[in-house]
Amino acid sequence: MNGVKERAAYYMLFIAVLILVASVSYDAAMKTLEPRPYPPEGVEVSLFHSLQVVVETFTATGYGSDSPWLSPELNLLVILLDLTGVALFFLALPAVLIPLFQDALSRSPPTEIEDGLSDHVVICTYSERAEILIDELSASGIEYVLVEPDGDRALELDEGGYAVIHADPESVADLQSANLADARALVADVSDRIDASIVLAAKEAAEETRVISVVEDPDKETYHRLAGADDILTPRNLLGNGLAGKVTAGLSSDLGDAIEIGDQFDVMEVPIRQGSDLAGTTLADSNIRERFGVNVVGVWYRGEFETPPPPERPLESGTVLLVAASPDQLEALATATRAAARRLRRGETVVVGHGEVGRTVTEALAAVNLPYTVVDREDDPAVDVVGDAADADTLRTAGVPDARSIVLAIPDDTTTEFATLVVRDLNGTGEVIARADDVGSIGNALRSEATEVGSIRKMYRAGADYVLSLATVSGRSIASEIIESEEFLTVGTKVNVVRTRAPGLAGSTIEEARIRERTGCTVVAIERDGELRTAIDPTFRLQRDDELVVAGTAAGTSRFVEEFC
């Protein structure tokens, strides 16, 4: 029973008790206070007559079968009953009647899924990283259902086109209504304590269904494992490793992040470093294809993915190329994109912020013997400089002006934006790697994604070379655990590589299909009759059984699957 109906039930109970009390009082008053005989001689009057008089008075129909009343006390009682009836109406109008009408006319969110839904993902509940996960699932053609305990938010999600049910994720029965037994997986992402309860309920409802739990505090991981979680993700540790990876990537030509498409053909992201051979040129002037034999599929520029990449796009620090080629060719390109100083020696790194993310960064740097300096506002044995992260004197003391890399692991986007400006003023050439935290609470998650994107863009505008979003990293990490047919270059970006057949393109050439214009994706390679073809020109004609290797954002690959597969 919802709040309005419960309120109406209590109101009706109150009215019934009040009418009963008023009827008994009226009957007693008529028999004891009226000077005339009551009931009149020869007339039988029961308590139901008094009940009728009270109801007539309360409803303002006022037939007045007993009027006029002779005693002052009875007249005062009738006046009180009249006023009570009017007061009850005006009390009921805003508190009960109007809400009841609104509730009757308004839509309600669904409470169970459609029959026959299977191999879907049950997500408990909606959040920023759930939005990223939903994008990835949709891009792969995997269905999902959100389990949302808040009715208003569930209705808002339902009206927004999301597959959602209004249910309690901690309830075994409600999870069964999400058809959990036939689901591919369940993702618990509310809070550490609630997630543990969800895991217990999920294993009770469907023992064999895979359960993925998101844990904010790594110390709580053991309890989620005991509850029965099959996989556990710690978003801040993932983000910290991602930030550290941006620092260490320039020190090695390791192609660990490359996706192998076929024998001697990979796809990978290559960042442009300050001071490298390619920095300061444009795509057209760099002659990357002629010099290294690689195909530039797209470009990440200040957080935006562009495909095809504009020839006039400047290759500056922070630009990331999405390229396809043989491992040897990719290694040669990676060497050219690293700064000469980085190839010769390892530079100092300043880590600003020493929370869970910052500690993960320093642990990763220590693992590869990279020196670093830690700045935090709280004194700690692991902190080298104590002070405000956005204070120029503090950052100057930490060695920011001479640092090779500055990692901003601050859990507040506004502070990170200002700190980026201060760092860039102190050091115009060092790499600034920033963390974009989750913006807003789950309660306003429907509006926070645009805010987060805005924060990322502002950080790039402030001078950051790389920005990693907590929501993106954790959302894509969850997706990578679930999706088997799709490969992710890195969890910090939103580029996917999908291998799929596209019967809708059979008979068309690449040029006629207008794949880039219609979906924003690029065909990297085509496998036909067991042979991987990487030299794809606009006149290449597609066949029904061709398997296409397509690269693009989650939204782009989703459009590709919808239109052509």
Protein backbone atom coordinates (compact mmCIF):
# COMPACT_ATOMS: atom_id res chain seq x y z
CA MET A 1 0.00 0.00 0.00
CA ASN A 2 1.49 3.36 -1.01
CA GLY A 3 1.47 6.47 1.18
CA VAL A 4 -1.66 8.05 -0.31
CA LYS A 5 -3.79 4.93 0.04
CA GLU A 6 -2.50 4.32 3.55
CA ARG A 7 -3.38 7.91 4.50
CA ALA A 8 -6.86 7.49 3.01
CA ALA A 9 -7.39 4.27 4.96
CA TYR A 10 -6.45 5.92 8.26
CA TYR A 11 -8.67 8.90 7.41
CA MET A 12 -11.68 6.67 6.74
CA LEU A 13 -11.06 4.80 10.00
CA PHE A 14 -10.93 8.12 11.87
CA ILE A 15 -14.20 9.27 10.25
CA ALA A 16 -15.93 6.01 11.19
CA VAL A 17 -14.85 6.29 14.83
CA LEU A 18 -15.83 9.98 14.94
CA ILE A 19 -19.30 9.28 13.49
CA LEU A 20 -19.85 6.47 15.98
CA VAL A 21 -18.83 8.65 18.95
CA ALA A 22 -20.95 11.57 17.67
CA SER A 23 -23.98 9.28 17.18
CA VAL A 24 -23.79 7.91 20.72
CA SER A 25 -23.28 11.42 22.11
CA TYR A 26 -26.22 12.81 20.14
CA ASP A 27 -28.51 9.96 21.20
CA ALA A 28 -27.59 10.41 24.87
CA ALA A 29 -27.99 14.20 24.68
CA MET A 30 -31.44 13.92 23.09
CA LYS A 31 -32.61 11.58 25.86
CA THR A 32 -31.21 13.60 28.77
CA LEU A 33 -31.04 17.27 27.73
CA GLU A 34 -34.12 17.85 25.55
CA PRO A 35 -37.14 19.02 27.63
CA ARG A 36 -39.59 17.25 25.33
CA PRO A 37 -40.01 13.48 25.48
CA TYR A 38 -37.51 11.58 23.34
CA PRO A 39 -38.43 9.48 21.61
CA PRO A 40 -42.03 10.74 21.29
CA GLU A 41 -44.72 8.52 22.72
CA GLY A 42 -45.71 5.72 20.40
CA VAL A 43 -42.51 6.10 18.30
CA GLU A 44 -39.57 3.72 18.46
CA VAL A 45 -36.21 5.37 17.74
CA SER A 46 -32.97 3.38 17.68
CA LEU A 47 -29.34 4.44 17.64
CA PHE A 48 -29.45 4.23 13.84
CA HIS A 49 -31.67 7.34 13.85
CA SER A 50 -28.93 9.28 15.67
CA LEU A 51 -26.41 7.86 13.20
CA GLN A 52 -28.55 9.16 10.32
CA VAL A 53 -28.78 12.65 11.89
CA VAL A 54 -24.99 12.82 12.38
CA VAL A 55 -24.28 11.69 8.80
CA GLU A 56 -26.80 14.24 7.46
CA THR A 57 -25.09 16.95 9.49
CA PHE A 58 -21.53 15.96 8.51
CA THR A 59 -22.45 15.78 4.82
CA ALA A 60 -24.33 19.11 5.00
CA THR A 61 -27.53 17.57 3.60
CA GLY A 62 -29.27 18.59 6.85
CA TYR A 63 -32.72 17.10 6.55
CA GLY A 64 -33.31 18.18 10.19
CA SER A 65 -35.78 15.50 11.21
CA ASP A 66 -35.28 16.34 14.91
CA SER A 67 -35.19 20.14 14.56
CA PRO A 68 -35.86 22.49 16.16
CA TRP A 69 -33.83 21.63 19.24
CA LEU A 70 -35.05 23.28 22.41
CA SER A 71 -32.12 22.95 24.80
CA PRO A 72 -29.07 25.23 24.41
CA GLU A 73 -26.80 22.22 24.89
CA LEU A 74 -28.32 20.37 21.91
CA ASN A 75 -28.08 23.45 19.72
CA LEU A 76 -24.39 23.83 20.63
CA LEU A 77 -23.81 20.13 19.89
CA VAL A 78 -25.49 20.43 16.47
CA ILE A 79 -23.43 23.56 15.69
CA LEU A 80 -20.27 21.64 16.64
CA LEU A 81 -21.31 18.76 14.37
CA ASP A 82 -21.94 21.21 11.50
CA LEU A 83 -18.50 22.80 11.89
CA THR A 84 -16.87 19.38 12.22
CA GLY A 85 -18.42 18.23 8.94
CA VAL A 86 -17.11 21.30 7.09
CA ALA A 87 -13.66 20.93 8.69
CA LEU A 88 -13.47 17.26 7.74
CA PHE A 89 -14.17 18.10 4.10
CA PHE A 90 -11.50 20.80 3.84
CA LEU A 91 -9.05 18.56 5.68
CA ALA A 92 -9.72 15.64 3.34
CA LEU A 93 -9.54 17.69 0.13
CA PRO A 94 -5.78 18.44 0.05
CA ALA A 95 -4.63 15.58 2.26
CA VAL A 96 -6.61 12.69 0.79
CA LEU A 97 -8.99 13.40 -2.09
CA ILE A 98 -6.68 15.31 -4.45
CA PRO A 99 -3.72 12.91 -3.92
CA LEU A 100 -6.05 9.96 -4.50
CA PHE A 101 -7.25 11.40 -7.80
CA GLN A 102 -3.67 12.19 -8.83
CA ASP A 103 -2.56 8.70 -7.88
CA ALA A 104 -5.43 7.17 -9.85
CA LEU A 105 -4.64 9.23 -12.96
CA SER A 106 -0.83 8.93 -12.82
CA ARG A 107 1.28 6.11 -14.27
CA SER A 108 2.90 3.58 -11.99
CA PRO A 109 6.26 1.97 -12.69
CA PRO A 110 6.19 -1.74 -13.57
CA THR A 111 6.74 -4.18 -10.73
CA GLU A 112 7.72 -7.21 -12.81
CA ILE A 113 9.43 -7.88 -16.11
CA GLU A 114 7.98 -9.29 -19.29
CA ASP A 115 7.53 -13.03 -19.49
CA GLY A 116 10.28 -14.86 -21.31
CA LEU A 117 13.12 -12.40 -20.64
CA SER A 118 16.35 -14.32 -20.18
CA ASP A 119 20.12 -13.93 -20.46
CA HIS A 120 19.66 -10.38 -19.20
CA VAL A 121 21.56 -8.44 -16.54
CA VAL A 122 19.82 -7.41 -13.32
CA ILE A 123 21.23 -4.08 -12.10
CA CYS A 124 20.63 -2.95 -8.50
CA THR A 125 20.20 0.06 -8.70
CA TYR A 126 20.55 3.12 -10.97
CA SER A 127 23.75 5.19 -10.64
CA GLU A 128 26.29 6.98 -12.83
CA ARG A 129 28.29 3.81 -13.40
CA ALA A 130 25.07 1.90 -14.05
CA GLU A 131 24.46 4.36 -16.89
CA ILE A 132 27.87 3.48 -18.39
CA LEU A 133 27.14 -0.23 -17.94
CA ILE A 134 23.74 0.14 -19.63
CA ASP A 135 25.40 1.85 -22.62
CA GLU A 136 27.85 -1.03 -22.96
CA LEU A 137 25.15 -3.68 -22.61
CA SER A 138 22.97 -1.94 -25.20
CA ALA A 139 25.93 -1.71 -27.57
CA SER A 140 26.33 -5.49 -27.32
CA GLY A 141 22.62 -6.24 -27.67
CA ILE A 142 22.34 -7.54 -24.10
CA GLU A 143 19.08 -6.81 -22.31
CA TYR A 144 18.98 -5.54 -18.75
CA VAL A 145 16.52 -4.63 -16.01
CA LEU A 146 17.03 -2.07 -13.27
CA VAL A 147 15.68 -2.92 -9.83
CA GLU A 148 14.82 0.42 -8.22
CA PRO A 149 13.29 0.63 -4.71
CA ASP A 150 12.27 4.29 -4.98
CA GLY A 151 8.89 4.55 -6.73
CA ASP A 152 9.31 8.10 -8.02
CA ARG A 153 12.77 7.39 -9.41
CA ALA A 154 11.56 4.13 -10.94
CA LEU A 155 8.75 6.01 -12.66
CA GLU A 156 11.19 8.65 -13.92
CA LEU A 157 13.46 5.93 -15.29
CA ASP A 158 10.53 4.12 -16.89
CA GLU A 159 9.38 7.32 -18.60
CA GLY A 160 12.98 7.88 -19.71
CA GLY A 161 12.96 4.62 -21.66
CA TYR A 162 14.89 2.45 -19.21
CA ALA A 163 13.94 -1.16 -18.52
CA VAL A 164 13.11 -0.89 -14.82
CA ILE A 165 10.91 -2.43 -12.16
CA HIS A 166 9.88 -0.89 -8.86
CA ALA A 167 11.12 -3.48 -6.41
CA ASP A 168 13.30 -3.98 -3.35
CA PRO A 169 16.69 -5.41 -4.40
CA GLU A 170 17.13 -6.88 -0.90
CA SER A 171 13.94 -8.94 -1.27
CA VAL A 172 14.20 -12.51 -2.53
CA ALA A 173 10.68 -12.36 -3.96
CA ASP A 174 11.35 -9.08 -5.77
CA LEU A 175 14.55 -10.42 -7.32
CA GLN A 176 12.59 -13.44 -8.49
CA SER A 177 10.15 -11.02 -10.15
CA ALA A 178 13.15 -9.78 -12.14
CA ASN A 179 13.53 -13.36 -13.43
CA LEU A 180 16.93 -13.65 -11.77
CA ALA A 181 17.11 -17.41 -12.28
CA ASP A 182 17.33 -16.91 -16.06
CA ALA A 183 19.60 -13.84 -15.90
CA ARG A 184 23.16 -13.70 -17.15
CA ALA A 185 24.33 -11.83 -14.04
CA LEU A 186 23.28 -9.52 -11.22
CA VAL A 187 25.19 -6.34 -10.36
CA ALA A 188 24.87 -5.00 -6.80
CA ASP A 189 25.88 -1.35 -6.62
CA VAL A 190 24.20 0.64 -3.83
CA SER A 191 26.43 0.70 -0.74
CA ASP A 192 28.76 -1.80 0.89
CA ARG A 193 26.22 -2.96 3.49
CA ILE A 194 23.20 -3.00 1.20
CA ASP A 195 25.20 -4.73 -1.53
CA ALA A 196 26.05 -7.55 0.89
CA SER A 197 22.33 -7.93 1.64
CA ILE A 198 21.56 -7.96 -2.09
CA VAL A 199 24.17 -10.68 -2.65
CA LEU A 200 22.58 -12.84 0.06
CA ALA A 201 19.11 -12.32 -1.42
CA ALA A 202 20.36 -13.04 -4.95
CA LYS A 203 22.00 -16.31 -3.95
CA GLU A 204 18.82 -17.30 -2.12
CA ALA A 205 16.70 -16.49 -5.17
CA ALA A 206 19.01 -18.03 -7.79
CA GLU A 207 22.05 -19.91 -6.53
CA GLU A 208 23.59 -20.42 -9.98
CA THR A 209 23.28 -16.85 -11.28
CA ARG A 210 26.53 -14.93 -11.33
CA VAL A 211 26.62 -12.04 -8.82
CA ILE A 212 28.98 -9.08 -9.19
CA SER A 213 29.30 -6.80 -6.17
CA VAL A 214 30.76 -3.28 -6.22
CA VAL A 215 32.68 -2.50 -3.01
CA GLU A 216 33.75 1.02 -2.11
CA ASP A 217 35.87 0.02 0.91
CA PRO A 218 38.38 -2.73 0.03
CA ASP A 219 38.36 -3.84 3.69
CA LYS A 220 34.74 -4.97 3.20
CA GLU A 221 35.60 -7.26 0.27
CA THR A 222 35.92 -10.33 2.50
CA TYR A 223 32.34 -10.00 3.75
CA HIS A 224 30.94 -9.76 0.23
CA ARG A 225 32.90 -12.88 -0.68
CA LEU A 226 31.42 -14.65 2.35
CA ALA A 227 27.94 -13.49 1.29
CA GLY A 228 28.43 -15.35 -1.98
CA ALA A 229 29.57 -12.73 -4.50
CA ASP A 230 31.23 -14.36 -7.51
CA ASP A 231 33.15 -11.25 -8.56
CA ILE A 232 34.03 -8.13 -6.56
CA LEU A 233 35.09 -4.79 -8.03
CA THR A 234 36.62 -1.89 -6.09
CA PRO A 235 36.08 1.23 -8.25
CA ARG A 236 38.63 3.47 -6.54
CA ASN A 237 41.38 0.88 -6.84
CA LEU A 238 40.54 0.48 -10.51
CA LEU A 239 40.68 4.25 -10.99
CA GLY A 240 43.99 4.48 -9.12
CA ASN A 241 45.53 1.81 -11.33
CA GLY A 242 44.22 3.63 -14.39
CA LEU A 243 45.79 6.91 -13.30
CA ALA A 244 49.09 5.18 -12.54
CA GLY A 245 48.94 3.46 -15.90
CA LYS A 246 48.91 6.84 -17.64
CA VAL A 247 52.18 7.69 -15.85
CA THR A 248 53.95 4.41 -16.55
CA ALA A 249 52.69 4.04 -20.13
CA GLY A 250 55.29 6.47 -21.42
CA LEU A 251 58.18 4.49 -19.94
CA SER A 252 57.69 1.31 -21.93
CA SER A 253 56.74 0.18 -25.39
CA ASP A 254 54.74 -2.70 -23.92
CA LEU A 255 51.63 -3.30 -26.02
CA GLY A 256 49.69 -4.86 -23.17
CA ASP A 257 46.58 -2.77 -23.86
CA ALA A 258 46.46 -3.75 -27.53
CA ILE A 259 43.59 -5.91 -28.76
CA GLU A 260 44.65 -8.74 -31.03
CA ILE A 261 42.38 -8.84 -34.08
CA GLY A 262 44.31 -11.52 -35.92
CA ASP A 263 47.82 -12.80 -36.47
CA GLN A 264 50.12 -9.79 -36.65
CA PHE A 265 47.29 -7.24 -36.50
CA ASP A 266 46.32 -5.32 -33.37
CA VAL A 267 44.28 -2.29 -32.36
CA MET A 268 45.50 -0.03 -29.58
CA GLU A 269 45.44 3.49 -28.16
CA VAL A 270 48.64 5.51 -28.41
CA PRO A 271 48.94 8.74 -26.36
CA ILE A 272 50.95 11.68 -27.65
CA ARG A 273 53.52 12.80 -25.05
CA GLN A 274 54.91 16.29 -24.55
CA GLY A 275 58.34 16.50 -26.20
CA SER A 276 57.84 13.47 -28.44
CA ASP A 277 58.71 13.38 -32.14
CA LEU A 278 55.05 13.79 -33.14
CA ALA A 279 54.02 16.44 -30.60
CA GLY A 280 53.26 19.80 -32.20
CA THR A 281 52.48 18.43 -35.67
CA THR A 282 49.11 17.67 -37.24
CA LEU A 283 47.85 14.35 -38.51
CA ALA A 284 48.42 15.49 -42.08
CA ASP A 285 51.95 16.77 -41.44
CA SER A 286 53.04 13.82 -39.31
CA ASN A 287 52.71 11.30 -42.18
CA ILE A 288 51.96 8.60 -39.63
CA ARG A 289 50.60 6.14 -42.19
CA GLU A 290 53.58 6.56 -44.51
CA ARG A 291 56.21 6.50 -41.74
CA PHE A 292 54.85 3.68 -39.59
CA GLY A 293 52.35 1.85 -41.80
CA VAL A 294 49.53 2.21 -39.28
CA ASN A 295 45.90 3.08 -39.91
CA VAL A 296 44.62 5.90 -37.68
CA VAL A 297 41.05 4.88 -36.87
CA GLY A 298 40.17 7.80 -34.62
CA VAL A 299 41.46 10.41 -32.20
CA TRP A 300 40.63 11.19 -28.57
CA TYR A 301 40.95 14.96 -28.21
CA ARG A 302 40.10 16.56 -24.86
CA GLY A 303 37.72 13.77 -24.00
CA GLU A 304 35.94 13.71 -27.37
CA PHE A 305 36.32 10.83 -29.82
CA GLU A 306 36.56 11.82 -33.49
CA THR A 307 36.33 9.37 -36.37
CA PRO A 308 37.47 9.85 -39.02
CA PRO A 309 40.14 12.06 -37.45
CA PRO A 310 40.42 15.54 -39.03
CA PRO A 311 43.74 15.84 -40.94
CA GLU A 312 44.29 19.29 -39.42
CA ARG A 313 43.90 18.01 -35.85
CA PRO A 314 46.99 19.09 -33.85
CA LEU A 315 48.88 16.29 -32.11
CA GLU A 316 49.46 17.81 -28.69
CA SER A 317 50.05 16.33 -25.27
CA GLY A 318 46.93 14.51 -24.15
CA THR A 319 45.80 13.54 -27.65
CA VAL A 320 45.26 9.78 -27.96
CA LEU A 321 45.39 8.01 -31.32
CA LEU A 322 43.33 4.88 -31.97
CA VAL A 323 45.45 2.94 -34.46
CA ALA A 324 45.50 -0.47 -36.13
CA ALA A 325 48.63 -2.20 -37.44
CA SER A 326 51.06 -5.03 -36.82
CA PRO A 327 52.74 -5.24 -33.38
CA ASP A 328 56.08 -4.10 -34.80
CA GLN A 329 54.49 -1.08 -36.47
CA LEU A 330 52.58 -0.20 -33.30
CA GLU A 331 55.74 -0.46 -31.22
CA ALA A 332 57.57 1.88 -33.59
CA LEU A 333 54.73 4.40 -33.36
CA ALA A 334 54.60 4.09 -29.56
CA THR A 335 58.32 4.85 -29.39
CA ALA A 336 57.85 7.98 -31.52
CA THR A 337 55.03 9.23 -29.31
CA ARG A 338 57.06 9.02 -26.09
CA ALA A 339 59.05 12.02 -24.97
CA ALA A 340 62.81 11.74 -25.42
CA ALA A 341 63.39 12.55 -21.76
CA ARG A 342 61.12 9.70 -20.77
CA ARG A 343 63.01 7.29 -22.97
CA LEU A 344 66.28 8.23 -21.30
CA ARG A 345 65.30 8.46 -17.61
CA ARG A 346 62.40 8.29 -15.27
CA GLY A 347 61.10 11.62 -14.00
CA GLU A 348 59.58 12.68 -10.73
CA THR A 349 55.84 12.25 -10.22
CA VAL A 350 53.75 14.29 -7.78
CA VAL A 351 50.59 12.60 -6.49
CA VAL A 352 48.09 15.10 -5.07
CA GLY A 353 45.57 13.40 -2.78
CA HIS A 354 46.26 10.29 -0.72
CA GLY A 355 42.88 8.70 -0.23
CA GLU A 356 42.00 5.26 -1.57
CA VAL A 357 42.70 6.33 -5.17
CA GLY A 358 45.94 8.13 -4.30
CA ARG A 359 47.25 5.18 -2.29
CA THR A 360 46.55 2.85 -5.20
CA VAL A 361 48.48 5.20 -7.51
CA THR A 362 51.54 5.30 -5.24
CA GLU A 363 51.49 1.52 -4.78
CA ALA A 364 51.48 1.06 -8.56
CA LEU A 365 54.32 3.56 -9.00
CA ALA A 366 56.35 1.91 -6.24
CA ALA A 367 55.87 -1.47 -7.93
CA VAL A 368 57.83 -0.21 -10.97
CA ASN A 369 60.34 1.77 -8.85
CA LEU A 370 59.13 5.20 -9.95
CA PRO A 371 59.95 8.01 -7.48
CA TYR A 372 57.04 10.14 -6.33
CA THR A 373 56.05 12.86 -3.88
CA VAL A 374 52.70 12.76 -2.08
CA VAL A 375 50.64 15.85 -1.20
CA ASP A 376 47.62 15.67 1.10
CA ARG A 377 45.85 17.96 3.55
CA GLU A 378 46.00 15.29 6.28
CA ASP A 379 49.30 14.44 7.94
CA ASP A 380 50.35 10.83 7.49
CA PRO A 381 53.65 8.92 7.41
CA ALA A 382 53.11 8.31 3.69
CA VAL A 383 52.49 12.03 2.97
CA ASP A 384 55.54 14.11 2.05
CA VAL A 385 53.93 17.56 1.90
CA VAL A 386 50.91 18.54 4.01
CA GLY A 387 48.75 21.32 2.63
CA ASP A 388 45.94 22.46 0.36
CA ALA A 389 45.91 20.67 -2.99
CA ALA A 390 45.03 23.91 -4.78
CA ASP A 391 47.61 26.09 -2.99
CA ALA A 392 50.50 27.21 -5.19
CA ASP A 393 53.03 27.30 -2.33
CA THR A 394 52.12 23.76 -1.28
CA LEU A 395 52.48 22.45 -4.82
CA ARG A 396 55.70 24.38 -5.32
CA THR A 397 57.13 22.79 -2.17
CA ALA A 398 56.15 19.36 -3.52
CA GLY A 399 58.20 19.97 -6.66
CA VAL A 400 55.39 20.47 -9.15
CA PRO A 401 57.36 23.03 -11.26
CA ASP A 402 59.99 20.38 -12.11
CA ALA A 403 57.77 17.29 -12.12
CA ARG A 404 57.37 15.11 -15.19
CA SER A 405 53.87 13.97 -14.19
CA ILE A 406 51.30 15.35 -11.77
CA VAL A 407 48.47 13.03 -10.72
CA LEU A 408 45.45 14.80 -9.23
CA ALA A 409 43.67 12.12 -7.18
CA ILE A 410 41.30 14.53 -5.43
CA PRO A 411 37.74 13.40 -4.60
CA ASP A 412 36.16 16.73 -5.55
CA ASP A 413 35.82 17.90 -9.13
CA THR A 414 35.72 21.62 -8.34
CA THR A 415 38.96 21.38 -6.35
CA THR A 416 40.52 19.29 -9.12
CA GLU A 417 39.59 21.89 -11.74
CA PHE A 418 41.19 24.69 -9.71
CA ALA A 419 44.24 22.57 -8.85
CA THR A 420 44.70 21.85 -12.56
CA LEU A 421 44.87 25.58 -13.27
CA VAL A 422 47.43 26.08 -10.48
CA VAL A 423 49.53 23.12 -11.65
CA ARG A 424 49.47 24.28 -15.25
CA ASP A 425 50.59 27.75 -14.16
CA LEU A 426 53.52 26.25 -12.23
CA ASN A 427 54.44 23.70 -14.89
CA GLY A 428 53.57 24.24 -18.54
CA THR A 429 55.12 21.03 -19.89
CA GLY A 430 54.48 18.32 -17.31
CA GLU A 431 51.71 15.78 -17.82
CA VAL A 432 48.63 16.48 -15.73
CA ILE A 433 46.55 13.35 -15.10
CA ALA A 434 43.29 14.11 -13.30
CA ARG A 435 40.56 12.15 -11.58
CA ALA A 436 36.91 13.01 -12.27
CA ASP A 437 34.86 11.77 -9.36
CA ASP A 438 31.23 10.68 -9.39
CA VAL A 439 29.12 13.84 -9.56
CA GLY A 440 26.02 13.96 -7.38
CA SER A 441 24.38 11.23 -5.42
CA ILE A 442 22.32 8.34 -6.67
CA GLY A 443 19.26 10.43 -5.94
CA ASN A 444 20.04 12.78 -8.82
CA ALA A 445 21.95 10.35 -11.00
CA LEU A 446 19.60 10.97 -13.92
CA ARG A 447 20.97 14.50 -14.13
CA SER A 448 24.55 13.89 -13.04
CA GLU A 449 25.93 12.24 -16.19
CA ALA A 450 25.79 15.51 -18.11
CA THR A 451 27.40 17.24 -15.11
CA GLU A 452 30.21 14.70 -15.06
CA VAL A 453 30.84 15.14 -18.78
CA GLY A 454 30.93 18.90 -18.16
CA SER A 455 33.49 18.42 -15.36
CA ILE A 456 35.70 16.33 -17.61
CA ARG A 457 35.63 18.96 -20.34
CA LYS A 458 36.39 21.70 -17.84
CA MET A 459 39.40 19.75 -16.59
CA TYR A 460 40.70 19.41 -20.13
CA ARG A 461 40.11 23.12 -20.68
CA ALA A 462 41.98 23.88 -17.46
CA GLY A 463 45.02 22.09 -18.86
CA ALA A 464 44.75 18.41 -17.95
CA ASP A 465 46.35 16.01 -20.42
CA TYR A 466 44.30 12.99 -19.34
CA VAL A 467 41.11 12.75 -17.30
CA LEU A 468 39.79 9.45 -15.99
CA SER A 469 36.23 9.29 -14.69
CA LEU A 470 35.39 7.07 -11.73
CA ALA A 471 32.00 6.27 -13.24
CA THR A 472 33.50 5.38 -16.64
CA VAL A 473 36.30 3.22 -15.24
CA SER A 474 34.04 1.28 -12.88
CA GLY A 475 31.12 1.03 -15.31
CA ARG A 476 33.30 -0.34 -18.09
CA SER A 477 35.07 -2.68 -15.67
CA ILE A 478 31.72 -4.20 -14.75
CA ALA A 479 30.84 -4.44 -18.45
CA SER A 480 34.13 -6.18 -19.23
CA GLU A 481 33.25 -8.82 -16.63
CA ILE A 482 29.88 -9.48 -18.26
CA ILE A 483 30.37 -9.00 -21.99
CA GLU A 484 32.31 -11.72 -23.75
CA SER A 485 31.83 -10.81 -27.41
CA GLU A 486 33.16 -7.27 -27.06
CA GLU A 487 36.67 -6.13 -26.26
CA PHE A 488 37.68 -2.95 -24.46
CA LEU A 489 40.89 -1.10 -25.20
CA THR A 490 41.07 0.40 -21.71
CA VAL A 491 38.41 0.80 -19.06
CA GLY A 492 39.29 4.48 -18.79
CA THR A 493 37.95 5.37 -22.23
CA LYS A 494 34.78 4.56 -24.12
CA VAL A 495 36.17 2.91 -27.26
CA ASN A 496 34.97 -0.62 -27.98
CA VAL A 497 36.07 -3.09 -30.59
CA VAL A 498 33.25 -5.35 -31.78
CA ARG A 499 33.52 -8.39 -34.03
CA THR A 500 30.17 -9.13 -35.69
CA ARG A 501 28.39 -10.09 -38.90
CA ALA A 502 26.31 -7.39 -40.59
CA PRO A 503 23.85 -8.99 -43.05
CA GLY A 504 22.21 -5.60 -43.51
CA LEU A 505 25.31 -4.45 -45.42
CA ALA A 506 25.52 -7.42 -47.79
CA GLY A 507 26.04 -6.27 -51.37
CA SER A 508 27.10 -2.75 -50.41
CA THR A 509 30.55 -1.26 -50.66
CA ILE A 510 32.14 0.48 -47.69
CA GLU A 511 31.52 3.80 -49.41
CA GLU A 512 27.87 3.03 -50.18
CA ALA A 513 27.19 1.80 -46.63
CA ARG A 514 28.28 5.17 -45.13
CA ILE A 515 29.10 3.41 -41.87
CA ARG A 516 31.06 6.28 -40.36
CA GLU A 517 28.43 8.88 -41.22
CA ARG A 518 25.54 6.76 -39.92
CA THR A 519 27.10 5.26 -36.78
CA GLY A 520 30.38 7.03 -36.02
CA CYS A 521 32.20 3.67 -36.23
CA THR A 522 35.10 2.57 -38.39
CA VAL A 523 35.60 -0.84 -40.00
CA VAL A 524 39.10 -1.85 -38.92
CA ALA A 525 39.26 -5.25 -40.62
CA ILE A 526 37.08 -7.86 -42.32
CA GLU A 527 37.40 -11.62 -41.99
CA ARG A 528 36.26 -13.57 -45.07
CA ASP A 529 36.69 -17.31 -45.58
CA GLY A 530 39.09 -17.50 -42.63
CA GLU A 531 41.31 -14.73 -43.98
CA LEU A 532 41.65 -11.41 -42.14
CA ARG A 533 41.70 -8.50 -44.58
CA THR A 534 43.11 -5.26 -43.21
CA ALA A 535 43.52 -3.28 -46.42
CA ILE A 536 39.96 -1.98 -46.67
CA ASP A 537 39.29 0.61 -49.35
CA PRO A 538 35.98 2.42 -50.06
CA THR A 539 35.18 0.09 -53.00
CA PHE A 540 35.41 -3.10 -50.91
CA ARG A 541 32.08 -4.93 -51.38
CA LEU A 542 30.67 -6.71 -48.35
CA GLN A 543 29.18 -10.21 -48.33
CA ARG A 544 26.59 -11.70 -45.99
CA ASP A 545 29.03 -14.03 -44.21
CA ASP A 546 31.74 -11.41 -43.73
CA GLU A 547 32.74 -10.83 -40.11
CA LEU A 548 33.46 -7.16 -39.51
CA VAL A 549 35.80 -5.78 -36.85
CA VAL A 550 34.33 -2.41 -35.90
CA ALA A 551 35.77 0.22 -33.55
CA GLY A 552 33.80 3.05 -31.98
CA THR A 553 32.23 4.40 -28.84
CA ALA A 554 29.60 2.43 -26.96
CA ALA A 555 26.86 4.57 -28.49
CA GLY A 556 28.36 4.16 -31.96
CA THR A 557 28.73 0.38 -31.79
CA SER A 558 25.18 0.19 -30.44
CA ARG A 559 23.89 2.12 -33.48
CA PHE A 560 25.93 -0.16 -35.76
CA VAL A 561 24.37 -3.30 -34.26
CA GLU A 562 20.85 -1.82 -34.46
CA GLU A 563 21.16 -0.72 -38.07
CA PHE A 564 23.12 -3.49 -39.73
CA CYS A 565 23.08 -6.66 -37.61
